[in-house]
């Protein structure tokens, strides 16, 4: 049977996925149909970043700290200024 990853292992995998998505969105911003902007957040408690389409902090790393984090970058939709 497959071993289910622990929450810490899952967080580490999500950190890698988030970093890859951040690099992708910086290189090729989404269209305005997806979002007017994408916001990069950082959580100092887990030293990790993630992307959101709105500015309301929704930390995906731990439900007990869902509001921990702040916007560190705004990536405008392609063609937007």
Protein backbone atom coordinates (compact mmCIF):
# COMPACT_ATOMS: atom_id res chain seq x y z
CA UNK A 1 0.00 0.00 0.00
CA UNK A 2 1.07 3.60 -0.56
CA UNK A 3 2.34 5.62 2.34
CA UNK A 4 0.33 8.81 2.91
CA UNK A 5 2.61 11.85 3.24
CA UNK A 6 2.73 13.65 6.57
CA UNK A 7 1.53 17.25 6.83
CA UNK A 8 5.16 18.43 6.93
CA UNK A 9 5.94 16.47 3.75
CA UNK A 10 2.83 17.90 2.11
CA UNK A 11 3.88 21.45 3.07
CA UNK A 12 7.32 20.88 1.55
CA UNK A 13 5.76 19.62 -1.68
CA UNK A 14 3.43 22.64 -1.76
CA UNK A 15 6.39 25.00 -1.24
CA UNK A 16 8.04 23.51 -4.34
CA UNK A 17 4.83 23.74 -6.35
CA UNK A 18 4.25 27.32 -5.22
CA UNK A 19 7.77 28.36 -6.19
CA UNK A 20 7.35 26.82 -9.65
CA UNK A 21 4.00 28.60 -10.12
CA UNK A 22 5.48 31.91 -8.97
CA UNK A 23 8.26 31.59 -11.55
CA UNK A 24 5.75 30.66 -14.26
CA UNK A 25 3.38 33.55 -13.50
CA UNK A 26 6.28 36.03 -13.36
CA UNK A 27 7.49 34.83 -16.78
CA UNK A 28 4.01 34.57 -18.32
CA UNK A 29 1.37 36.57 -16.41
CA UNK A 30 -2.23 35.37 -16.70
CA UNK A 31 -4.75 37.12 -18.90
CA UNK A 32 -7.22 39.55 -17.38
CA UNK A 33 -9.89 36.85 -17.88
CA UNK A 34 -8.15 34.85 -15.16
CA UNK A 35 -7.50 37.75 -12.78
CA UNK A 36 -6.66 41.44 -13.01
CA UNK A 37 -3.65 40.69 -10.83
CA UNK A 38 -2.08 37.81 -8.94
CA UNK A 39 -0.66 38.48 -5.48
CA UNK A 40 2.40 36.80 -4.04
CA UNK A 41 2.17 36.29 -0.29
CA UNK A 42 4.85 35.35 2.22
CA UNK A 43 4.37 33.63 5.58
CA UNK A 44 7.31 34.21 7.92
CA UNK A 45 6.22 31.40 10.25
CA UNK A 46 6.90 28.70 7.63
CA UNK A 47 9.18 30.85 5.44
CA UNK A 48 7.09 30.11 2.38
CA UNK A 49 5.31 31.94 -0.43
CA UNK A 50 2.12 31.31 -2.40
CA UNK A 51 -0.08 33.00 -5.01
CA UNK A 52 -3.63 34.27 -4.71
CA UNK A 53 -6.01 36.15 -6.99
CA UNK A 54 -7.14 38.44 -4.14
CA UNK A 55 -5.53 40.42 -1.32
CA UNK A 56 -7.34 38.70 1.55
CA UNK A 57 -4.73 36.52 3.22
CA UNK A 58 -5.64 32.85 3.04
CA UNK A 59 -2.51 31.03 4.21
CA UNK A 60 -2.61 27.50 2.75
CA UNK A 61 0.17 26.14 4.96
CA UNK A 62 -1.73 25.86 8.24
CA UNK A 63 -5.41 26.47 9.02
CA UNK A 64 -4.49 27.70 12.50
CA UNK A 65 -2.62 30.62 10.90
CA UNK A 66 -4.85 31.31 7.92
CA UNK A 67 -4.38 35.07 8.22
CA UNK A 68 -0.60 34.97 8.71
CA UNK A 69 1.19 36.43 5.71
CA UNK A 70 1.45 39.57 3.66
CA UNK A 71 1.60 40.61 0.01
CA UNK A 72 5.19 40.84 -1.22
CA UNK A 73 4.54 41.29 -4.95
CA UNK A 74 1.72 42.09 -7.36
CA UNK A 75 1.83 40.53 -10.81
CA UNK A 76 -0.47 42.37 -13.20
CA UNK A 77 -2.43 40.48 -15.86
CA UNK A 78 -0.84 40.31 -19.28
CA UNK A 79 -1.44 43.54 -21.17
CA UNK A 80 -2.34 45.45 -17.97
CA UNK A 81 -0.28 48.27 -16.52
